[in-house]
Protein backbone atom coordinates (compact mmCIF):
# COMPACT_ATOMS: atom_id res chain seq x y z
CA MET A 1 187.68 76.65 169.43
CA ILE A 2 187.33 77.40 172.99
CA GLY A 3 189.75 74.24 173.78
CA ARG A 4 192.31 76.58 172.36
CA ARG A 5 191.80 79.77 173.43
CA THR A 6 191.70 81.31 177.02
CA ILE A 7 189.05 82.17 179.59
CA LEU A 8 191.00 84.77 181.56
CA ALA A 9 193.37 87.27 180.01
CA GLY A 10 195.94 86.48 182.39
CA LEU A 11 196.12 82.88 181.26
CA ALA A 12 196.56 83.63 177.69
CA THR A 13 199.14 80.75 177.18
CA ILE A 14 197.48 77.89 178.89
CA PRO A 15 195.35 75.57 176.67
CA LEU A 16 191.91 75.62 177.49
CA THR A 17 191.49 72.00 177.42
CA SER A 18 193.29 71.30 180.39
CA MET A 19 191.41 74.05 182.14
CA LEU A 20 187.89 73.10 181.00
CA ALA A 21 188.55 69.52 182.12
CA GLN A 22 189.66 70.54 185.60
CA ALA A 23 186.50 72.59 185.76
CA ALA A 24 184.38 70.14 184.48
CA ASP A 25 184.67 68.13 187.66
CA GLY A 26 181.57 68.36 189.65
CA MET A 27 179.25 70.49 187.03
CA ALA A 28 176.21 70.15 187.10
CA ALA A 29 174.46 67.17 184.68
CA PRO A 30 173.05 67.90 181.16
CA ARG A 31 169.51 69.83 180.72
CA ILE A 32 167.73 72.21 179.01
CA ASP A 33 166.97 75.62 180.70
CA ARG A 34 163.78 77.16 179.05
CA LEU A 35 163.67 81.01 178.84
CA ASP A 36 160.64 81.57 176.34
CA PRO A 37 157.56 79.20 175.76
CA ALA A 38 158.79 79.60 171.92
CA LEU A 39 161.19 77.29 172.66
CA ASP A 40 158.82 74.32 172.47
CA ARG A 41 158.40 74.44 168.68
CA ILE A 42 162.10 73.61 168.56
CA LEU A 43 162.83 71.45 171.37
CA ALA A 44 159.79 69.35 173.01
CA PRO A 45 159.36 69.89 176.67
CA ASP A 46 160.55 66.45 177.36
CA ALA A 47 163.79 66.59 175.13
CA GLN A 48 166.89 65.41 176.84
CA VAL A 49 170.64 65.66 176.19
CA LYS A 50 172.32 62.14 175.33
CA VAL A 51 176.09 61.85 175.48
CA ILE A 52 176.78 59.63 172.62
CA ALA A 53 180.60 59.25 172.85
CA ARG A 54 183.39 60.10 175.13
CA GLY A 55 187.16 60.37 175.09
CA TYR A 56 188.61 63.04 173.14
CA ARG A 57 191.20 65.60 173.77
CA TRP A 58 188.94 68.33 172.57
CA ALA A 59 185.88 67.38 170.38
CA GLU A 60 185.19 69.99 167.76
CA GLY A 61 183.89 71.16 164.42
CA PRO A 62 180.74 69.07 163.62
CA ALA A 63 179.13 68.72 160.30
CA TRP A 64 176.26 66.77 158.81
CA VAL A 65 176.98 64.90 155.83
CA PRO A 66 173.56 64.20 153.88
CA GLN A 67 174.97 62.41 151.03
CA GLY A 68 175.80 59.65 153.42
CA ASP A 69 173.88 60.42 156.61
CA TYR A 70 176.70 60.53 158.97
CA LEU A 71 178.61 63.15 161.07
CA LEU A 72 182.01 64.17 160.94
CA PHE A 73 183.90 66.07 164.08
CA ASN A 74 187.20 66.66 164.82
CA ASP A 75 189.60 66.51 167.71
CA PRO A 76 192.04 68.98 167.00
CA PRO A 77 195.04 68.07 169.21
CA SER A 78 194.95 64.64 168.08
CA ASN A 79 194.89 65.44 164.43
CA ILE A 80 191.91 62.93 163.94
CA LEU A 81 188.73 63.42 162.07
CA TYR A 82 186.02 61.02 163.22
CA ARG A 83 182.83 59.55 161.59
CA TRP A 84 179.73 58.88 163.37
CA THR A 85 176.55 56.93 162.22
CA LYS A 86 173.64 55.36 164.20
CA ALA A 87 174.89 51.81 163.32
CA GLN A 88 178.44 51.99 163.92
CA GLY A 89 178.73 54.57 166.30
CA VAL A 90 182.35 56.64 166.24
CA THR A 91 185.17 55.34 163.94
CA PRO A 92 188.15 57.25 162.91
CA PHE A 93 187.53 58.75 159.39
CA LEU A 94 191.00 60.77 158.53
CA SER A 95 194.30 60.53 160.41
CA PRO A 96 195.96 62.82 160.37
CA SER A 97 193.07 65.20 159.56
CA GLY A 98 195.65 68.43 159.19
CA LEU A 99 198.95 68.74 159.20
CA GLN A 100 200.53 65.94 157.10
CA THR A 101 203.90 66.04 158.72
CA ILE A 102 205.73 65.85 162.11
CA VAL A 103 204.20 68.45 164.52
CA PRO A 104 206.65 71.40 164.94
CA GLU A 105 207.10 72.71 168.58
CA GLY A 106 205.30 75.90 167.68
CA ILE A 107 201.91 74.00 166.81
CA ARG A 108 199.60 73.46 169.35
CA GLU A 109 196.77 72.29 167.51
CA PRO A 110 197.62 70.19 164.24
CA GLY A 111 194.36 69.13 163.07
CA LEU A 112 191.38 70.36 161.42
CA ASN A 113 189.12 72.50 163.21
CA GLY A 114 185.67 74.01 161.94
CA ILE A 115 184.42 72.07 159.13
CA ALA A 116 181.34 72.36 156.57
CA ILE A 117 180.14 70.48 153.61
CA THR A 118 180.26 72.61 150.09
CA PRO A 119 177.08 72.58 147.78
CA GLY A 120 179.00 70.14 145.69
CA GLY A 121 179.27 67.85 148.57
CA MET A 122 182.84 68.25 149.40
CA LEU A 123 184.43 69.00 153.05
CA ALA A 124 185.73 72.65 153.53
CA GLY A 125 188.11 72.54 156.46
CA ALA A 126 189.82 75.48 158.67
CA ASP A 127 193.09 73.39 158.99
CA SER A 128 194.75 75.00 162.42
CA GLY A 129 198.19 72.76 161.93
CA THR A 130 198.38 73.61 158.08
CA ARG A 131 197.33 77.12 158.51
CA ALA A 132 195.04 76.95 155.60
CA ILE A 133 191.80 76.51 154.61
CA VAL A 134 191.23 73.14 152.60
CA GLN A 135 189.35 71.11 150.94
CA ILE A 136 188.69 67.17 151.17
CA ASP A 137 187.16 64.90 148.84
CA LEU A 138 185.05 62.58 151.10
CA ARG A 139 185.37 59.58 148.83
CA THR A 140 188.84 59.76 147.88
CA LYS A 141 190.03 61.75 150.66
CA GLN A 142 192.31 63.90 148.52
CA ARG A 143 193.15 67.09 150.17
CA THR A 144 193.60 70.49 148.28
CA ILE A 145 194.91 73.35 149.89
CA LEU A 146 192.12 76.40 148.79
CA ALA A 147 194.23 79.22 150.34
CA ASP A 148 197.06 79.74 153.05
CA ARG A 149 197.71 83.12 152.48
CA TYR A 150 196.73 87.06 152.49
CA ASP A 151 198.60 89.63 150.98
CA GLY A 152 201.56 87.08 150.86
CA LYS A 153 201.47 86.51 154.37
CA ARG A 154 200.39 82.91 156.33
CA PHE A 155 197.48 82.77 158.03
CA ASN A 156 197.89 82.34 161.86
CA SER A 157 195.58 79.18 161.87
CA PRO A 158 192.21 79.21 160.56
CA ASN A 159 189.69 78.25 163.40
CA ASP A 160 186.13 78.04 161.91
CA LEU A 161 184.48 78.78 158.65
CA CYS A 162 180.95 78.64 156.56
CA VAL A 163 179.97 77.99 153.02
CA ALA A 164 177.83 80.28 151.21
CA PRO A 165 175.42 79.07 148.52
CA SER A 166 177.33 80.85 145.86
CA GLY A 167 180.51 78.58 147.38
CA ALA A 168 182.21 81.65 148.81
CA ILE A 169 183.79 80.58 151.96
CA TYR A 170 183.70 82.76 155.22
CA PHE A 171 186.69 82.12 157.75
CA THR A 172 188.14 83.31 160.85
CA ASP A 173 192.00 83.19 161.59
CA PRO A 174 192.61 83.85 165.27
CA PRO A 175 196.11 82.13 166.51
CA TYR A 176 194.35 79.65 168.83
CA GLY A 177 196.45 76.77 166.78
CA LEU A 178 199.82 78.27 167.75
CA ALA A 179 201.79 77.18 171.15
CA GLN A 180 202.44 80.66 172.17
CA ALA A 181 199.36 82.33 170.49
CA ASP A 182 199.74 86.00 170.18
CA GLU A 183 203.42 85.82 171.01
CA SER A 184 204.30 82.77 168.66
CA PRO A 185 207.35 83.82 166.35
CA LEU A 186 205.66 81.74 163.62
CA ARG A 187 203.06 84.52 162.98
CA GLU A 188 203.29 86.76 159.77
CA LEU A 189 199.89 88.51 160.13
CA ASP A 190 199.92 90.90 162.94
CA PHE A 191 196.13 90.83 163.41
CA CYS A 192 193.14 88.32 163.56
CA GLY A 193 191.04 88.60 160.41
CA LEU A 194 187.69 87.70 159.31
CA PHE A 195 188.09 86.78 155.75
CA ARG A 196 185.93 85.85 152.43
CA LEU A 197 187.49 83.13 150.06
CA ASP A 198 185.73 82.99 146.68
CA PRO A 199 185.53 80.11 144.38
CA ASP A 200 188.44 81.68 141.97
CA GLY A 201 190.73 81.77 145.04
CA ALA A 202 190.71 85.44 145.93
CA VAL A 203 190.87 86.19 149.56
CA THR A 204 189.25 89.24 150.84
CA LEU A 205 190.00 90.92 154.27
CA LEU A 206 186.44 91.40 155.69
CA ASP A 207 187.35 92.93 159.24
CA ARG A 208 190.34 92.99 161.33
CA SER A 209 189.37 94.96 164.50
CA HIS A 210 188.33 91.80 166.73
CA ARG A 211 190.64 90.24 169.03
CA ARG A 212 189.27 86.85 169.04
CA PRO A 213 186.92 86.09 166.02
CA ASN A 214 185.75 82.39 165.85
CA GLY A 215 182.61 80.67 164.92
CA LEU A 216 180.56 81.49 162.18
CA GLY A 217 177.21 81.17 160.85
CA LEU A 218 175.07 82.39 157.71
CA SER A 219 171.27 83.28 157.67
CA PRO A 220 169.03 81.16 155.42
CA ASP A 221 168.60 84.11 152.72
CA GLY A 222 172.45 84.63 153.01
CA ALA A 223 171.85 88.48 154.04
CA THR A 224 173.29 88.23 157.50
CA LEU A 225 176.86 86.73 158.47
CA TYR A 226 176.90 86.06 162.22
CA LEU A 227 180.61 85.92 163.97
CA ALA A 228 181.11 84.73 167.62
CA LEU A 229 183.89 86.37 169.44
CA SER A 230 185.78 84.13 172.11
CA ASP A 231 187.03 86.98 173.86
CA GLU A 232 186.61 87.45 177.52
CA LYS A 233 186.52 90.92 177.48
CA ARG A 234 183.81 90.94 174.87
CA PRO A 235 181.72 87.81 174.87
CA GLN A 236 179.49 88.25 171.82
CA VAL A 237 178.00 87.34 168.49
CA GLN A 238 177.83 89.93 166.11
CA ALA A 239 175.70 90.21 162.73
CA TYR A 240 177.11 91.56 159.46
CA PRO A 241 174.96 92.53 156.90
CA ILE A 242 176.10 90.97 153.28
CA ASP A 243 175.28 92.45 150.09
CA ALA A 244 175.02 90.82 146.69
CA LYS A 245 178.70 90.75 146.18
CA GLY A 246 179.38 89.17 149.35
CA GLN A 247 180.78 92.04 151.01
CA THR A 248 180.21 92.56 154.82
CA GLY A 249 178.72 95.93 156.05
CA SER A 250 178.84 97.42 160.03
CA PRO A 251 177.81 94.62 162.35
CA ARG A 252 175.18 94.90 164.89
CA LEU A 253 174.99 93.22 168.43
CA PHE A 254 173.01 90.01 168.01
CA LEU A 255 173.74 88.22 171.71
CA ASP A 256 175.66 89.44 174.47
CA LEU A 257 177.21 86.90 177.19
CA HIS A 258 178.74 88.92 179.56
CA ALA A 259 176.50 88.14 182.32
CA GLU A 260 177.15 84.48 182.00
CA LEU A 261 180.41 84.41 181.77
CA ALA A 262 180.96 86.78 184.70
CA ALA A 263 178.61 83.91 186.83
CA GLY A 264 181.17 81.39 185.75
CA GLU A 265 179.48 79.65 183.29
CA PRO A 266 181.90 77.56 181.34
CA GLY A 267 183.21 78.12 177.79
CA LEU A 268 182.94 81.32 175.58
CA PRO A 269 180.95 82.33 172.27
CA ASP A 270 182.46 79.69 169.91
CA GLY A 271 180.58 77.79 166.88
CA MET A 272 177.28 77.79 165.80
CA ASP A 273 174.86 76.62 163.21
CA VAL A 274 171.48 78.38 162.09
CA ALA A 275 168.22 76.69 161.23
CA PRO A 276 166.54 77.12 157.79
CA ASP A 277 163.71 79.05 159.56
CA GLY A 278 166.48 81.46 160.92
CA HIS A 279 166.93 80.31 164.54
CA VAL A 280 170.27 80.54 165.63
CA PHE A 281 171.94 77.92 168.01
CA ALA A 282 175.10 79.80 169.19
CA THR A 283 177.79 77.99 171.73
CA GLY A 284 178.45 80.34 174.70
CA PRO A 285 179.32 80.59 178.46
CA GLY A 286 176.55 77.63 179.71
CA GLY A 287 175.72 75.95 176.98
CA VAL A 288 174.15 76.42 173.52
CA HIS A 289 171.93 79.47 173.41
CA VAL A 290 168.98 79.02 171.32
CA CYS A 291 167.88 82.67 169.88
CA ALA A 292 165.02 83.55 167.77
CA PRO A 293 166.20 85.43 164.33
CA ASP A 294 165.71 88.78 166.25
CA GLY A 295 168.38 87.63 168.97
CA ARG A 296 165.98 86.85 171.50
CA ARG A 297 167.12 83.81 174.03
CA LEU A 298 164.70 81.21 174.00
CA GLY A 299 166.51 78.38 176.24
CA VAL A 300 169.93 77.09 176.77
CA ILE A 301 171.34 73.42 176.06
CA ARG A 302 173.65 72.55 178.74
CA THR A 303 176.05 69.44 179.13
CA GLY A 304 177.75 70.55 182.12
CA LYS A 305 180.82 71.49 180.24
CA ALA A 306 182.23 74.06 177.84
CA ILE A 307 180.73 73.18 174.30
CA ALA A 308 182.93 74.22 171.36
CA ASN A 309 180.57 73.80 168.31
CA CYS A 310 177.09 72.34 167.22
CA CYS A 311 175.55 71.44 164.14
CA ILE A 312 172.15 70.34 162.66
CA GLY A 313 171.81 66.99 161.08
CA ASP A 314 169.73 63.84 160.45
CA MET A 315 167.42 65.67 158.10
CA GLY A 316 166.82 68.51 160.64
CA LYS A 317 166.03 66.14 163.47
CA SER A 318 168.72 66.37 165.58
CA LEU A 319 171.35 68.93 166.92
CA PHE A 320 174.78 67.71 167.45
CA LEU A 321 177.09 69.00 170.02
CA THR A 322 180.73 68.63 170.78
CA SER A 323 181.58 69.26 174.13
CA SER A 324 184.66 69.11 175.77
CA ASP A 325 185.77 65.35 175.69
CA MET A 326 182.39 64.26 174.41
CA LEU A 327 179.76 64.32 171.34
CA ALA A 328 176.11 64.72 172.59
CA VAL A 329 172.82 65.01 170.58
CA VAL A 330 169.41 66.74 171.30
CA PRO A 331 166.27 65.67 169.36
CA LEU A 332 164.74 68.60 167.27
CA ARG A 333 161.24 69.23 166.46
CA THR A 334 160.82 69.76 162.40
CA SER A 335 158.00 70.95 160.36
């Protein structure tokens, strides 16, 4: 997500992985900034950020698999899906993770990007390289393309998704996976959409107004869809009301990060996760912004580098962070 976009409008064709790797040199050590005493109910005062793996081109899309007590995360440029366990550390789980053929010149990121576990225990993935939403059986590793087109036209490069209790998949489709982004000759859609994929295979366009739609999250009651905008002109997280049919209404501003971006903090609004109690862990300039359900910022978890995504796992006891070339974790307080 952040690793495939640009921070500055004038650098729209330069992969952020290279930019961020250079910018990371000399950055501050990992830390947690406390902005509100209420953060103590989520993170213990002595909680620390721990790096548990390094060496990736761009770490992305973590998802916890409760059926096996392990974490999955991606390296989209390398087209590899990794597995992490406490006992074994990191091992490759699926390679190639996304595009199954030789990577053509016009594809920048062939691998899976955002991933999630469905109510039935399958892996749902935004496959940037295949330009599709896919489903993978974690036992057999069999892949199924769930959707690769809207209105007869191929998606740009699906980037992130979240799964509703109904089985509906909300996903975003910016051009980050394409080598020439907006100017790619491979594009068939002339917009970057927010979509819903229903269990029956129907694809519904929910919003086409955003320049860089990216990370997604759902409130515990399923009534709010959070959308991160990885747009240097509009670095925000917006919140859409969702009706009983899964349709979105007009969004409201949930989190604005203009000031943090202007101050030179690394990253842009990207992936996120929502806790069972409604707290939102939203990546953005500077790190993971921990927010109360009403949007009030309680603190910022920093690794010293841009953080592309995060997820809650380990029975709610850990927050995993995919940050530039590394995987990190922060202990959470659980009720």
